[in-house]
Amino acid sequence: MTEKTDIPVIVLGGTGYVAGELLRLIASHPHYKLAAAVSTSQAGATLRSVFPHLHSAFGEHCYIGRPELGATLAALRGRQVGVFSAAPHGASAGLVAEVLALANAAGCAVTVVDASADFRFADDAAYQSVYAQPHGAPQLLEQFGCALPEHVGDLPQPHIGHPGCFATAMLLGTVPLVKLQLARGPIAAFGITGSTGSGRAPLATTHHPLRHANLYAYKALAHRHAPEVTGLCAAITGSAPELRFIPHSGPFARGIHMTLEADLADSLSESELRGQFEAFYADAEFVQVVAGAPRIKDVVGSNYAHIGVTATDTAVVVFVALDNLLKGAAGGCVQWMNIKLGLEPHAGLLAAGPGWV
């Protein structure tokens, strides 16, 4: 891997929860240096005013608006620049297109990793079928690949659309089941996510009095991450499983707990099944197969995912726990950027979670 320091990075849509985690990771990353955080609504405001917990990292560093992007990129002429987009679904594609055009005019090389849904599908028709709106930059779709690095290592496209947080949890459990032909028939997925998964803007579903000490399902069998998962799984394994996904809102701020259940293709003991998953993820730095069912407190605040398995003679259950804002979003994006820029994939991501949050 190439030894590089002070690689300039830009964060687009820099005021939401995922952006906050990206900024926190950049602050302690051994190779990245924040060149700009971009926000239309907060241009001119300090990062510390939006994210007070980052005061020691960025001091009086201010957000810039979109009009200042050209000058920022021009100042980086001849440099390799990493661009993270944490802009909302539907808005990210147009903003990314603008940045790529400005970077080309400025003479700097840009690698983009997008945390939104805008570059998770291979074509405009697939995107429109899920999001019911035209894509913001369909001419760029062929330049973006989408997958988890644990499943593909790298992708030939220059830019990456990171899978969604629920999708990340489902893919970590589903891809081995399908690729190793361990399951047959439909796969049922029951996922519980923390309130940060709905973004920073207050909504009825994330309002604390409703969410506290409560648990409820939503968009059963109709969630947008289901077609994302089946499409990505088909691209990786050659087979698209029938996925029956039922998401739930949990009474906690961050974390995802996913339970996948299917019929076993062949009789396997629990230890044999665990051995299959351990071998599958033997080289995956951030995926650990654990005994029993994983718990979100063991992974929240880290880029690690824990997987547990159990089985009877006829059925298999796979559990996945991860932090929706890290492995499911910002941490996964940094992992991909590290890979695309020739760094160690784990650079800046090895910190353990706090355990008690």
Foldseek 3Di string as FASTA:
>chain_A
DDDAAAAEEEEEPQQKPLNVVLLVLQLPFRHYDYLAYEDQVFAPAAPCVRVVVCCVRGPRHGHHYPVCLLVSLLVQAPGEYEYEYPREPQPRVQSVVVNVVSNVVSRYHYEYEYQYPLQLDQAQVVVCVLVVDGRPCRVCNPLEDEDFCLQVVADPRRYYYYAALVLLQCLLPVLLCQQVVFFDAEKEKEKEWALSSVMDPDDPLSPLVVQAPDKDWPCFQHDSNLVSNQVRSCVRRVHRHHYGYIYMYHNHHWKMKMKMKGWTPAFDAQVRVLVSSCVSSVPPPAEEEDEDADDQLQAAQALHKYKYWHDDRIMIMIMIMHTSSAVRGSVSSQLNVCSSVVHHSCGSGPDGHPSPD
